[in-house]
Amino acid sequence: MLQTMINTHSELFLSADQYCQTCSITSSINGKKRLSSFTCDHCHVSMCYDCFEKHTSQLIEEYSDVQKRFLQLSNLFSNKRELLATFEQHCIRNINSAFDEVFTDLQNLRNESIDYVKQQFLDAEITITNIITNIKPLTTKSRHIRTYDNVKTNILFEFEKQRQQINELEDRLNIFSSPNMKLKMFTYPRNRLDLHCQLLLNSSSTSKDFSSSIPGKLITAQCSYSQSNENESEKIVVDTEIEELNQNIYSTKQIQTDSLIELNSNVDDDEYYSVLDETSELSNRLSSEQYSSTHYISQGTIKTQNEVDRIASDGEHVLYFCDTLKLLCYVRDISYDKKIKEITCRWPHYPILDLIYSPGSSQFVCATRRGLYTCTIDSNNDSSTIDIQMQLTQHWSYVRLSADRNFLWLWTDTPRLSQLHVYSPKTFHCIKVFNLSDYSRFSDNSTSFCIHENLIGTVFQFKQIINSSTYKKHFHLTLCDTSDLRELCTIHLGECDIDHEIRANNEGKFFLTNGRKKLWIIDRHGRKEFVQLSHTGRALTVHGTHQILIANGTHQLQCIELIQNDL
């Protein structure tokens, strides 16, 4: 009894947290209550030795289970990464296999095309051989007649007969007077390429639309003979045109022809072109009467030492490029009545696509598909040289140049980007870039452009569909503000051919060749007039204050002069 009282009295002096809290939970069942020996740092629970040991074992088991699951998850990620790497290899291999088939087919098509052309030349060679074979008996017979022992009374008749045979052979040779080759082909139709690759479940964007990013192209290449007159040697003309197959977009913007009119956006394209076709004859007749220039006239031609394919002027001297001989030629004095003196140097780079004079740097600037070059002429003595320096290196599918007093403007296209760059003319530091995909007007097929003060004049070429088998190339000039490329007006200029160009003078007049025998002159307000040319006009340059020099790949420069200013 006394012992029980002592134990009971001792328990009254111990707090509850000095007992094992795990045992106290079961004390009401078995009546046992143990003092705590440990406290768990994580759970903050007081425990006796046995309970702490069990609790520790339980935590270790749970920790081991979590570690095991982390290890399994790490293995899963590693396996998934290896699977994706293998999957990527198979995807790329399959794409390469598909395109290998396309390349093989294209290579076969190329070989077949080359074999076809070679066969035509082989047939032509056989024809020439046959003609030469027919000539040999005539020459033998002619020598035989000239011998004294074979003089006949009808020798004049024999000579006349031989003249007729020679004429017949010359007529047979005329079948080679106008050889030509023309190739038309489309690039791979992107709208038929269906590629779908999905790696993430519930991904919202898994299909690639190739047709919208890069449109297909129509490539037209032709070879022909050209001869300006009987005294000129025959020249092989090679023209290549790459046209994007994007649809022309007609909006409700103001289009300027004779005056400002507003187009109805509901008019169908085919109906629009049909109306143009029905009125084309009348329009051409009216244009000849209404737009024929009274301010400019043709002043004849100037003969150069080499063929002129691209040309630029600094106001006094001319630099031109001869593609056939790969030459740059500098002309000091342009003159009608005397032989001009030229400085020439070999052009070792890709063909020049555009050539201008930059007044900001006092240098000529050349553009090729692979880069930009400056040309400085040391013309202090007779042994002058042309110093060519590369300024920019790139890979462009299209490049055109223009310059004003302060900046150099560069329009470039790549398979994925169409941009208008503004450069410092001396340091070639890029100052500003316009992404032309953000401006719907510049999604058309641009062929040339020119800058004057706050205006950018851009030439766009498109095909007018007359019917299912007839196409006519037309072009128009669009004037925009250089600060934001906001369209000011568009002037339709009628039909054109492959190679045409635009340049501007200091008064703000734009001069455009149409690849045919017409030079258009348009002022900054959109008023237009034209001069009829005696030869085809392609590249051109403003020379001095009153002259326009026009080249077409021959030795002759057509000269157009201002005879009357606007009052």
Protein backbone atom coordinates (compact mmCIF):
# COMPACT_ATOMS: atom_id res chain seq x y z
CA MET A 1 0.00 0.00 0.00
CA LEU A 2 2.80 2.41 0.90
CA GLN A 3 4.72 1.53 -2.26
CA THR A 4 1.69 2.19 -4.38
CA MET A 5 1.28 5.55 -2.75
CA ILE A 6 4.95 6.45 -3.41
CA ASN A 7 4.71 5.49 -7.09
CA THR A 8 1.54 7.44 -7.48
CA HIS A 9 3.07 10.44 -5.78
CA SER A 10 6.19 10.26 -8.06
CA GLU A 11 4.13 10.23 -11.20
CA LEU A 12 2.46 13.45 -10.14
CA PHE A 13 5.81 15.30 -10.45
CA LEU A 14 6.51 14.13 -14.15
CA SER A 15 5.06 16.09 -17.10
CA ALA A 16 3.22 14.40 -19.96
CA ASP A 17 6.00 15.03 -22.56
CA GLN A 18 8.51 13.13 -20.41
CA TYR A 19 6.69 9.93 -21.25
CA CYS A 20 6.77 8.10 -24.54
CA GLN A 21 3.96 9.63 -26.54
CA THR A 22 3.66 6.54 -28.67
CA CYS A 23 3.26 4.32 -25.59
CA SER A 24 0.83 6.80 -23.97
CA ILE A 25 -1.53 6.26 -26.89
CA THR A 26 -1.82 2.58 -25.96
CA SER A 27 -1.56 3.04 -22.16
CA SER A 28 -5.28 3.29 -21.84
CA ILE A 29 -5.49 -0.22 -23.26
CA ASN A 30 -2.73 -2.12 -21.50
CA GLY A 31 -2.06 0.30 -18.61
CA LYS A 32 1.69 0.49 -19.41
CA LYS A 33 3.42 3.84 -19.56
CA ARG A 34 7.15 4.31 -20.33
CA LEU A 35 9.47 7.21 -19.89
CA SER A 36 10.72 8.84 -23.12
CA SER A 37 14.37 8.33 -24.04
CA PHE A 38 14.49 10.05 -27.48
CA THR A 39 12.81 12.86 -29.41
CA CYS A 40 12.46 12.65 -33.19
CA ASP A 41 13.88 15.86 -34.76
CA HIS A 42 11.57 15.60 -37.79
CA CYS A 43 8.34 14.64 -36.04
CA HIS A 44 9.10 16.34 -32.65
CA VAL A 45 7.59 13.33 -30.84
CA SER A 46 9.01 11.90 -27.56
CA MET A 47 9.56 8.15 -27.69
CA CYS A 48 10.94 5.32 -25.67
CA TYR A 49 13.76 3.22 -27.03
CA ASP A 50 11.56 0.53 -28.59
CA CYS A 51 9.20 3.00 -30.20
CA PHE A 52 12.10 5.14 -31.50
CA GLU A 53 13.73 2.11 -33.07
CA LYS A 54 10.52 1.16 -34.83
CA HIS A 55 9.96 4.77 -35.96
CA THR A 56 13.51 5.01 -37.34
CA SER A 57 13.12 1.76 -39.25
CA GLN A 58 9.89 3.02 -40.77
CA LEU A 59 11.49 6.31 -41.92
CA ILE A 60 14.43 4.46 -43.46
CA GLU A 61 12.06 2.19 -45.36
CA GLU A 62 10.05 5.15 -46.68
CA TYR A 63 13.22 7.05 -47.65
CA SER A 64 14.51 3.97 -49.47
CA ASP A 65 11.22 3.65 -51.31
CA VAL A 66 11.31 7.31 -52.42
CA GLN A 67 14.96 7.01 -53.53
CA LYS A 68 14.08 3.90 -55.48
CA ARG A 69 11.25 5.71 -57.25
CA PHE A 70 13.53 8.68 -58.06
CA LEU A 71 16.04 6.26 -59.55
CA GLN A 72 13.32 4.60 -61.60
CA LEU A 73 12.11 8.03 -62.79
CA SER A 74 15.66 9.02 -63.75
CA ASN A 75 15.98 5.81 -65.75
CA LEU A 76 12.67 6.56 -67.45
CA PHE A 77 13.86 10.04 -68.51
CA SER A 78 17.15 8.62 -69.72
CA ASN A 79 15.36 5.92 -71.73
CA LYS A 80 12.92 8.49 -73.14
CA ARG A 81 15.78 10.75 -74.21
CA GLU A 82 17.53 7.85 -75.92
CA LEU A 83 14.24 6.89 -77.58
CA LEU A 84 13.71 10.46 -78.85
CA ALA A 85 17.28 10.60 -80.15
CA THR A 86 16.73 7.35 -82.03
CA PHE A 87 13.33 8.58 -83.22
CA GLU A 88 14.92 11.82 -84.49
CA GLN A 89 17.48 9.86 -86.45
CA HIS A 90 14.75 7.76 -88.06
CA CYS A 91 12.63 10.85 -88.86
CA ILE A 92 15.53 12.69 -90.50
CA ARG A 93 16.60 9.51 -92.30
CA ASN A 94 13.09 9.09 -93.70
CA ILE A 95 12.93 12.73 -94.82
CA ASN A 96 16.34 12.39 -96.46
CA SER A 97 15.20 9.20 -98.17
CA ALA A 98 12.11 10.93 -99.53
CA PHE A 99 14.09 13.91 -100.80
CA ASP A 100 16.79 11.60 -102.19
CA GLU A 101 14.05 10.18 -104.39
CA VAL A 102 13.08 13.69 -105.45
CA PHE A 103 16.73 14.63 -106.11
CA THR A 104 17.24 11.44 -108.08
CA ASP A 105 14.18 12.21 -110.17
CA LEU A 106 15.37 15.79 -110.69
CA GLN A 107 18.84 14.57 -111.65
CA ASN A 108 17.29 12.15 -114.12
CA LEU A 109 15.16 14.99 -115.48
CA ARG A 110 18.29 17.16 -115.77
CA ASN A 111 20.16 14.41 -117.60
CA GLU A 112 17.23 13.81 -119.94
CA SER A 113 17.01 17.54 -120.66
CA ILE A 114 20.75 17.78 -121.35
CA ASP A 115 20.62 14.66 -123.55
CA TYR A 116 17.73 16.19 -125.48
CA VAL A 117 19.66 19.44 -126.08
CA LYS A 118 22.82 17.55 -127.02
CA GLN A 119 20.80 15.50 -129.52
CA GLN A 120 19.55 18.70 -131.14
CA PHE A 121 23.14 19.91 -131.50
CA LEU A 122 24.16 16.51 -132.86
CA ASP A 123 21.40 16.70 -135.47
CA ALA A 124 22.54 20.22 -136.33
CA GLU A 125 26.12 19.01 -136.71
CA ILE A 126 24.95 16.24 -139.06
CA THR A 127 23.10 18.84 -141.13
CA ILE A 128 26.20 21.06 -141.34
CA THR A 129 28.33 18.04 -142.28
CA ASN A 130 25.91 17.16 -145.08
CA ILE A 131 26.04 20.73 -146.39
CA ILE A 132 29.85 20.70 -146.33
CA THR A 133 29.77 17.33 -148.12
CA ASN A 134 27.64 18.89 -150.85
CA ILE A 135 30.06 21.83 -151.14
CA LYS A 136 33.14 19.67 -151.85
CA PRO A 137 31.99 18.40 -155.31
CA LEU A 138 31.16 21.97 -156.30
CA THR A 139 34.63 23.24 -155.41
CA THR A 140 36.23 20.30 -157.23
CA LYS A 141 34.12 20.95 -160.28
CA SER A 142 34.92 24.66 -160.13
CA ARG A 143 38.67 23.92 -160.14
CA HIS A 144 38.17 21.47 -162.99
CA ILE A 145 36.40 24.09 -165.12
CA ARG A 146 39.25 26.56 -164.63
CA THR A 147 41.78 24.25 -166.33
CA TYR A 148 42.49 25.26 -169.91
CA ASP A 149 42.03 21.82 -171.37
CA ASN A 150 38.43 21.73 -170.20
CA VAL A 151 37.27 25.13 -171.42
CA LYS A 152 33.84 24.80 -172.98
CA THR A 153 31.63 27.12 -174.90
CA ASN A 154 28.98 26.96 -172.16
CA ILE A 155 31.29 27.95 -169.29
CA LEU A 156 29.12 30.97 -168.40
CA PHE A 157 26.18 28.64 -168.07
CA GLU A 158 28.23 26.46 -165.69
CA PHE A 159 29.15 29.48 -163.58
CA GLU A 160 25.51 30.52 -163.35
CA LYS A 161 24.53 27.02 -162.39
CA GLN A 162 27.15 26.98 -159.62
CA ARG A 163 25.92 30.34 -158.35
CA GLN A 164 22.43 28.88 -158.04
CA GLN A 165 23.81 25.88 -156.17
CA ILE A 166 25.71 28.20 -153.82
CA ASN A 167 22.55 30.21 -153.23
CA GLU A 168 20.69 27.02 -152.39
CA LEU A 169 23.39 26.05 -149.88
CA GLU A 170 23.26 29.52 -148.33
CA ASP A 171 19.50 29.19 -148.04
CA ARG A 172 19.97 25.86 -146.29
CA LEU A 173 22.40 27.56 -143.91
CA ASN A 174 19.69 30.04 -142.98
CA ILE A 175 18.01 27.36 -140.90
CA PHE A 176 20.66 28.23 -138.26
CA SER A 177 19.94 31.99 -138.39
CA SER A 178 17.77 32.11 -135.28
CA PRO A 179 18.54 29.27 -132.89
CA ASN A 180 16.85 29.49 -129.54
CA MET A 181 16.35 27.50 -126.39
CA LYS A 182 13.65 28.18 -123.82
CA LEU A 183 13.17 26.39 -120.53
CA LYS A 184 10.24 26.72 -118.15
CA MET A 185 9.97 24.76 -114.96
CA PHE A 186 8.41 25.07 -111.54
CA THR A 187 10.24 24.51 -108.30
CA TYR A 188 8.97 21.74 -106.08
CA PRO A 189 5.27 22.45 -105.32
CA ARG A 190 5.37 23.23 -101.63
CA ASN A 191 1.62 23.06 -101.27
CA ARG A 192 1.91 19.33 -102.03
CA LEU A 193 4.42 18.70 -99.27
CA ASP A 194 2.53 17.38 -96.24
CA LEU A 195 4.80 17.02 -93.20
CA HIS A 196 3.46 16.31 -89.71
CA CYS A 197 5.69 15.68 -86.70
CA GLN A 198 4.19 15.41 -83.19
CA LEU A 199 6.28 14.62 -80.13
CA LEU A 200 4.23 16.24 -77.34
CA LEU A 201 0.75 15.03 -76.50
CA ASN A 202 -2.01 17.62 -77.02
CA SER A 203 0.40 19.89 -78.87
CA SER A 204 -1.53 22.70 -80.56
CA SER A 205 0.96 23.38 -83.39
CA THR A 206 2.39 20.26 -84.94
CA SER A 207 1.91 20.77 -88.70
CA LYS A 208 4.24 22.85 -90.88
CA ASP A 209 2.78 24.98 -93.67
CA PHE A 210 5.59 25.26 -96.21
CA SER A 211 3.56 26.96 -98.92
CA SER A 212 2.95 30.10 -96.87
CA SER A 213 6.53 30.62 -95.74
CA ILE A 214 8.26 30.23 -99.11
CA PRO A 215 6.15 30.23 -102.28
CA GLY A 216 6.99 28.13 -105.30
CA LYS A 217 8.83 29.71 -108.20
CA LEU A 218 8.55 29.67 -111.97
CA ILE A 219 12.00 29.65 -113.58
CA THR A 220 12.25 30.84 -117.17
CA ALA A 221 15.57 30.63 -119.01
CA GLN A 222 16.17 31.33 -122.68
CA CYS A 223 19.09 31.54 -125.07
CA SER A 224 18.89 33.31 -128.42
CA TYR A 225 20.87 35.26 -131.00
CA SER A 226 20.80 39.04 -131.16
CA GLN A 227 22.16 41.30 -133.89
CA SER A 228 21.49 45.04 -133.82
CA ASN A 229 22.42 45.55 -137.46
CA GLU A 230 24.31 43.87 -140.26
CA ASN A 231 27.62 45.43 -139.21
CA GLU A 232 27.38 44.11 -135.64
CA SER A 233 28.61 40.65 -134.77
CA GLU A 234 26.06 38.15 -133.50
CA LYS A 235 25.64 38.09 -129.73
CA ILE A 236 24.30 35.23 -127.64
CA VAL A 237 21.65 36.59 -125.29
CA VAL A 238 20.98 34.63 -122.11
CA ASP A 239 18.02 35.67 -119.96
CA THR A 240 16.92 34.05 -116.72
CA GLU A 241 13.85 35.02 -114.74
CA ILE A 242 12.78 33.62 -111.38
CA GLU A 243 9.20 34.53 -110.52
CA GLU A 244 7.49 33.77 -107.23
CA LEU A 245 4.12 32.08 -107.68
CA ASN A 246 2.24 34.11 -105.11
CA GLN A 247 -1.17 35.53 -105.88
CA ASN A 248 -1.47 39.26 -106.39
CA ILE A 249 -3.46 40.91 -103.64
CA TYR A 250 -5.73 43.78 -104.67
CA SER A 251 -7.03 45.97 -101.89
CA THR A 252 -9.06 49.17 -101.70
CA LYS A 253 -5.98 51.40 -101.86
CA GLN A 254 -5.91 54.24 -104.37
CA ILE A 255 -4.39 53.23 -107.69
CA GLN A 256 -3.21 56.11 -109.86
CA THR A 257 -3.40 55.89 -113.64
CA ASP A 258 -4.71 59.09 -115.25
CA SER A 259 -6.22 60.32 -111.99
CA LEU A 260 -6.84 58.88 -108.54
CA ILE A 261 -9.62 56.28 -108.56
CA GLU A 262 -10.79 53.77 -106.00
CA LEU A 263 -10.88 50.08 -106.88
CA ASN A 264 -13.77 47.95 -105.72
CA SER A 265 -12.41 45.13 -103.56
CA ASN A 266 -15.28 42.86 -104.67
CA VAL A 267 -14.09 42.82 -108.28
CA ASP A 268 -12.83 39.37 -109.26
CA ASP A 269 -9.26 39.18 -110.58
CA ASP A 270 -10.29 37.40 -113.79
CA GLU A 271 -12.98 40.01 -114.42
CA TYR A 272 -10.48 42.77 -113.70
CA TYR A 273 -7.97 41.38 -116.20
CA SER A 274 -10.71 40.73 -118.73
CA VAL A 275 -11.71 44.39 -118.65
CA LEU A 276 -8.05 45.38 -119.03
CA ASP A 277 -7.69 43.08 -122.04
CA GLU A 278 -10.81 44.44 -123.75
CA THR A 279 -9.60 48.02 -123.36
CA SER A 280 -5.88 47.36 -123.95
CA GLU A 281 -5.95 48.29 -127.64
CA LEU A 282 -7.77 51.53 -126.95
CA SER A 283 -5.50 52.29 -123.97
CA ASN A 284 -2.37 51.70 -126.03
CA ARG A 285 -3.65 54.06 -128.72
CA LEU A 286 -4.55 56.71 -126.19
CA SER A 287 -1.20 56.26 -124.42
CA SER A 288 0.66 56.87 -127.65
CA GLU A 289 -1.18 60.16 -128.08
CA GLN A 290 -1.62 61.29 -124.47
CA TYR A 291 1.61 60.18 -122.77
CA SER A 292 4.17 60.71 -125.53
CA SER A 293 6.84 62.97 -124.03
CA THR A 294 7.29 66.55 -125.16
CA HIS A 295 10.15 67.12 -122.70
CA TYR A 296 12.60 64.35 -123.71
CA ILE A 297 13.79 63.12 -127.10
CA SER A 298 16.10 60.40 -128.38
CA GLN A 299 19.49 61.81 -129.44
CA GLY A 300 20.97 58.74 -131.10
CA THR A 301 23.47 56.18 -129.87
CA ILE A 302 26.98 56.05 -128.43
CA LYS A 303 29.25 53.14 -129.31
CA THR A 304 31.25 51.43 -126.53
CA GLN A 305 34.22 49.10 -126.76
CA ASN A 306 32.42 46.27 -124.96
CA GLU A 307 28.87 45.09 -124.43
CA VAL A 308 27.01 46.94 -121.66
CA ASP A 309 24.86 44.86 -119.29
CA ARG A 310 24.86 47.09 -116.15
CA ILE A 311 25.68 50.79 -116.06
CA ALA A 312 26.05 53.66 -113.56
CA SER A 313 27.18 57.29 -113.77
CA ASP A 314 28.64 59.75 -111.27
CA GLY A 315 27.39 62.64 -113.41
CA GLU A 316 30.54 62.99 -115.49
CA HIS A 317 31.97 59.49 -115.95
CA VAL A 318 30.41 56.09 -116.54
CA LEU A 319 31.18 52.64 -115.13
CA TYR A 320 29.64 49.62 -116.85
CA PHE A 321 29.80 45.83 -116.57
CA CYS A 322 30.25 43.44 -119.50
CA ASP A 323 28.90 40.04 -118.50
CA THR A 324 30.19 38.21 -121.59
CA LEU A 325 33.84 39.10 -120.97
CA LYS A 326 33.51 39.61 -117.16
CA LEU A 327 34.90 43.14 -117.36
CA LEU A 328 34.38 46.41 -115.50
CA CYS A 329 34.83 49.35 -117.85
CA TYR A 330 35.27 53.00 -116.86
CA VAL A 331 34.52 55.68 -119.44
CA ARG A 332 35.95 59.15 -118.84
CA ASP A 333 34.23 61.10 -121.60
CA ILE A 334 30.96 60.11 -123.26
CA SER A 335 30.91 61.48 -126.81
CA TYR A 336 28.91 60.98 -130.02
CA ASP A 337 31.52 62.11 -132.50
CA LYS A 338 34.73 60.52 -131.30
CA LYS A 339 35.97 57.19 -130.03
CA ILE A 340 35.60 57.00 -126.28
CA LYS A 341 38.50 56.04 -124.03
CA GLU A 342 37.92 53.25 -121.50
CA ILE A 343 39.74 51.79 -118.52
CA THR A 344 38.99 48.09 -118.07
CA CYS A 345 39.71 45.49 -115.43
CA ARG A 346 38.69 41.87 -114.98
CA TRP A 347 35.72 41.18 -112.68
CA PRO A 348 36.64 38.02 -110.70
CA HIS A 349 33.39 37.64 -108.75
CA TYR A 350 29.81 36.53 -109.37
CA PRO A 351 27.92 38.42 -112.12
CA ILE A 352 26.82 41.92 -111.17
CA LEU A 353 23.04 42.15 -110.69
CA ASP A 354 22.90 45.85 -109.86
CA LEU A 355 25.35 48.75 -110.23
CA ILE A 356 24.90 52.29 -108.84
CA TYR A 357 26.87 55.39 -107.83
CA SER A 358 26.74 56.34 -104.15
CA PRO A 359 27.08 60.13 -103.68
CA GLY A 360 27.50 59.66 -99.92
CA SER A 361 30.82 57.83 -100.38
CA SER A 362 31.74 59.01 -103.91
CA GLN A 363 32.09 55.36 -104.95
CA PHE A 364 30.44 52.96 -107.35
CA VAL A 365 28.70 50.04 -105.61
CA CYS A 366 28.15 46.61 -107.18
CA ALA A 367 25.76 43.92 -105.92
CA THR A 368 25.99 40.19 -106.63
CA ARG A 369 24.21 37.19 -105.15
CA ARG A 370 27.18 36.62 -102.88
CA GLY A 371 28.06 40.11 -101.66
CA LEU A 372 28.47 43.84 -102.02
CA TYR A 373 31.54 45.57 -103.51
CA THR A 374 32.79 49.14 -103.86
CA CYS A 375 34.75 50.37 -106.88
CA THR A 376 37.05 53.37 -106.60
CA ILE A 377 38.67 54.80 -109.73
CA ASP A 378 42.11 56.42 -109.65
CA SER A 379 41.87 58.53 -112.80
CA ASN A 380 44.71 60.97 -112.29
CA ASN A 381 46.73 59.65 -115.20
CA ASP A 382 46.50 57.43 -118.26
CA SER A 383 47.42 54.31 -116.27
CA SER A 384 44.35 54.60 -114.05
CA THR A 385 43.11 51.59 -112.11
CA ILE A 386 39.83 50.38 -110.63
CA ASP A 387 40.12 49.36 -106.98
CA ILE A 388 37.52 46.70 -106.04
CA GLN A 389 36.83 46.08 -102.34
CA MET A 390 34.38 43.63 -100.80
CA GLN A 391 32.15 45.25 -98.14
CA LEU A 392 29.46 42.66 -97.35
CA THR A 393 29.36 38.88 -97.75
CA GLN A 394 26.02 37.11 -97.98
CA HIS A 395 23.97 34.56 -99.93
CA TRP A 396 20.97 36.26 -101.56
CA SER A 397 18.46 34.99 -104.09
CA TYR A 398 17.60 38.59 -105.04
CA VAL A 399 19.48 41.84 -104.43
CA ARG A 400 18.98 45.41 -105.67
CA LEU A 401 20.64 48.73 -104.75
CA SER A 402 19.84 52.41 -104.46
CA ALA A 403 21.56 55.37 -102.83
CA ASP A 404 20.86 58.94 -101.83
CA ARG A 405 23.10 61.61 -100.32
CA ASN A 406 22.95 60.11 -96.82
CA PHE A 407 22.32 56.37 -97.04
CA LEU A 408 22.83 53.22 -99.06
CA TRP A 409 19.64 51.15 -99.48
CA LEU A 410 19.81 47.41 -100.07
CA TRP A 411 16.81 45.21 -100.91
CA THR A 412 17.58 41.51 -100.40
CA ASP A 413 15.64 38.26 -100.55
CA THR A 414 16.64 34.91 -99.10
CA PRO A 415 14.54 31.72 -99.09
CA ARG A 416 13.03 32.81 -95.77
CA LEU A 417 13.37 36.60 -95.53
CA SER A 418 12.68 39.67 -97.65
CA GLN A 419 14.26 42.78 -96.16
CA LEU A 420 15.09 46.40 -96.95
CA HIS A 421 18.36 47.46 -95.25
CA VAL A 422 19.56 51.00 -94.69
CA TYR A 423 23.38 51.29 -94.46
CA SER A 424 25.91 53.98 -93.85
CA PRO A 425 27.52 54.53 -97.29
CA LYS A 426 31.03 54.84 -95.85
CA THR A 427 31.19 52.35 -92.94
CA PHE A 428 28.50 49.93 -94.20
CA HIS A 429 27.06 49.87 -90.70
CA CYS A 430 23.42 48.74 -90.78
CA ILE A 431 21.22 51.54 -89.45
CA LYS A 432 17.71 50.19 -90.01
CA VAL A 433 15.98 47.07 -91.35
CA PHE A 434 12.44 46.72 -92.71
CA ASN A 435 11.02 43.18 -92.72
CA LEU A 436 9.02 43.39 -95.93
CA SER A 437 6.79 40.46 -94.97
CA ASP A 438 5.13 42.94 -92.58
CA TYR A 439 4.10 45.15 -95.52
CA SER A 440 1.55 43.51 -97.81
CA ARG A 441 2.33 45.83 -100.72
CA PHE A 442 5.89 44.49 -100.89
CA SER A 443 4.81 40.85 -101.19
CA ASP A 444 4.45 41.33 -104.96
CA ASN A 445 7.15 40.36 -107.45
CA SER A 446 9.62 43.26 -107.15
CA THR A 447 12.18 43.67 -109.94
CA SER A 448 13.88 47.03 -109.23
CA PHE A 449 13.64 49.99 -106.87
CA CYS A 450 15.02 53.51 -106.42
CA ILE A 451 15.28 56.08 -103.60
CA HIS A 452 14.79 59.84 -103.92
CA GLU A 453 14.68 61.92 -100.73
CA ASN A 454 11.66 60.62 -98.77
CA LEU A 455 10.28 58.46 -101.60
CA ILE A 456 10.95 54.85 -102.54
CA GLY A 457 9.83 53.89 -106.04
CA THR A 458 9.45 50.15 -106.54
CA VAL A 459 8.74 48.30 -109.79
CA PHE A 460 6.53 45.24 -109.48
CA GLN A 461 6.01 42.73 -112.28
CA PHE A 462 3.02 40.42 -112.60
CA LYS A 463 1.35 38.24 -115.20
CA GLN A 464 -1.95 39.25 -116.71
CA ILE A 465 -3.97 36.15 -117.53
CA ILE A 466 -5.82 36.66 -120.80
CA ASN A 467 -6.98 33.08 -121.17
CA SER A 468 -5.76 29.62 -120.23
CA SER A 469 -2.93 29.69 -122.77
CA THR A 470 -1.89 33.36 -122.99
CA TYR A 471 0.10 35.38 -120.46
CA LYS A 472 1.21 38.98 -120.70
CA LYS A 473 3.80 40.44 -118.38
CA HIS A 474 2.71 43.79 -116.93
CA PHE A 475 4.38 46.07 -114.44
CA HIS A 476 3.58 49.06 -112.29
CA LEU A 477 5.43 51.59 -110.16
CA THR A 478 4.49 52.04 -106.50
CA LEU A 479 5.64 55.15 -104.61
CA CYS A 480 5.94 54.82 -100.81
CA ASP A 481 7.16 56.94 -97.91
CA THR A 482 10.65 55.82 -96.84
CA SER A 483 9.93 56.41 -93.13
CA ASP A 484 7.18 53.79 -92.77
CA LEU A 485 6.76 52.32 -96.31
CA ARG A 486 3.25 53.77 -96.43
CA GLU A 487 1.90 53.57 -99.98
CA LEU A 488 1.27 56.91 -101.66
CA CYS A 489 0.19 55.87 -105.15
CA THR A 490 0.57 53.17 -107.80
CA ILE A 491 1.00 53.88 -111.52
CA HIS A 492 0.25 51.12 -114.05
CA LEU A 493 2.69 51.12 -116.97
CA GLY A 494 1.45 48.35 -119.26
CA GLU A 495 3.39 45.48 -120.75
CA CYS A 496 7.04 44.70 -120.03
CA ASP A 497 9.71 42.09 -120.64
CA ILE A 498 12.15 40.22 -118.40
CA ASP A 499 14.85 42.82 -117.74
CA HIS A 500 13.82 46.36 -116.73
CA GLU A 501 15.17 48.96 -114.30
CA ILE A 502 14.34 52.22 -112.49
CA ARG A 503 16.54 55.23 -111.68
CA ALA A 504 15.84 58.81 -110.47
CA ASN A 505 17.44 62.20 -111.09
CA ASN A 506 18.01 65.03 -108.62
CA GLU A 507 14.67 66.68 -109.46
CA GLY A 508 12.69 63.64 -108.33
CA LYS A 509 11.80 62.21 -111.73
CA PHE A 510 11.83 58.44 -112.07
CA PHE A 511 13.00 56.79 -115.31
CA LEU A 512 11.95 53.20 -116.12
CA THR A 513 12.83 50.90 -118.98
CA ASN A 514 10.28 48.19 -119.78
CA GLY A 515 12.59 45.60 -121.37
CA ARG A 516 11.20 46.71 -124.72
CA LYS A 517 11.41 49.91 -126.79
CA LYS A 518 9.91 52.34 -124.32
CA LEU A 519 11.28 54.59 -121.57
CA TRP A 520 8.78 55.79 -118.97
CA ILE A 521 9.30 59.10 -117.12
CA ILE A 522 7.24 59.64 -113.93
CA ASP A 523 7.40 62.59 -111.55
CA ARG A 524 6.96 62.42 -107.77
CA HIS A 525 3.24 63.22 -108.13
CA GLY A 526 2.58 60.24 -110.41
CA ARG A 527 2.33 62.08 -113.74
CA LYS A 528 3.76 59.90 -116.50
CA GLU A 529 5.09 60.21 -120.06
CA PHE A 530 7.26 58.03 -122.28
CA VAL A 531 9.88 58.17 -125.02
CA GLN A 532 9.86 55.63 -127.83
CA LEU A 533 13.28 53.98 -128.15
CA SER A 534 14.97 52.79 -131.32
CA HIS A 535 16.33 49.67 -129.59
CA THR A 536 15.35 47.54 -126.62
CA GLY A 537 16.02 49.22 -123.27
CA ARG A 538 17.12 47.34 -120.15
CA ALA A 539 19.69 48.87 -117.78
CA LEU A 540 19.92 52.64 -117.50
CA THR A 541 21.59 55.49 -115.63
CA VAL A 542 21.06 59.22 -115.20
CA HIS A 543 24.11 60.97 -116.69
CA GLY A 544 24.62 64.62 -115.79
CA THR A 545 21.53 66.77 -115.43
CA HIS A 546 19.83 66.24 -118.79
CA GLN A 547 20.87 62.82 -120.16
CA ILE A 548 19.65 59.25 -119.70
CA LEU A 549 21.90 56.45 -121.00
CA ILE A 550 20.17 53.15 -121.78
CA ALA A 551 21.92 49.80 -122.33
CA ASN A 552 20.67 46.48 -123.65
CA GLY A 553 23.64 44.11 -123.65
CA THR A 554 25.15 45.42 -126.90
CA HIS A 555 27.89 47.92 -127.83
CA GLN A 556 25.36 50.71 -128.24
CA LEU A 557 24.08 53.12 -125.59
CA GLN A 558 20.89 54.96 -126.42
CA CYS A 559 20.91 58.55 -125.25
CA ILE A 560 17.76 60.41 -124.18
CA GLU A 561 18.03 64.15 -123.48
CA LEU A 562 15.86 66.74 -121.78
CA ILE A 563 14.88 69.50 -124.21
CA GLN A 564 12.20 71.33 -122.24
CA ASN A 565 11.60 71.72 -118.50
CA ASP A 566 8.17 72.08 -116.95
CA LEU A 567 7.12 75.69 -116.64
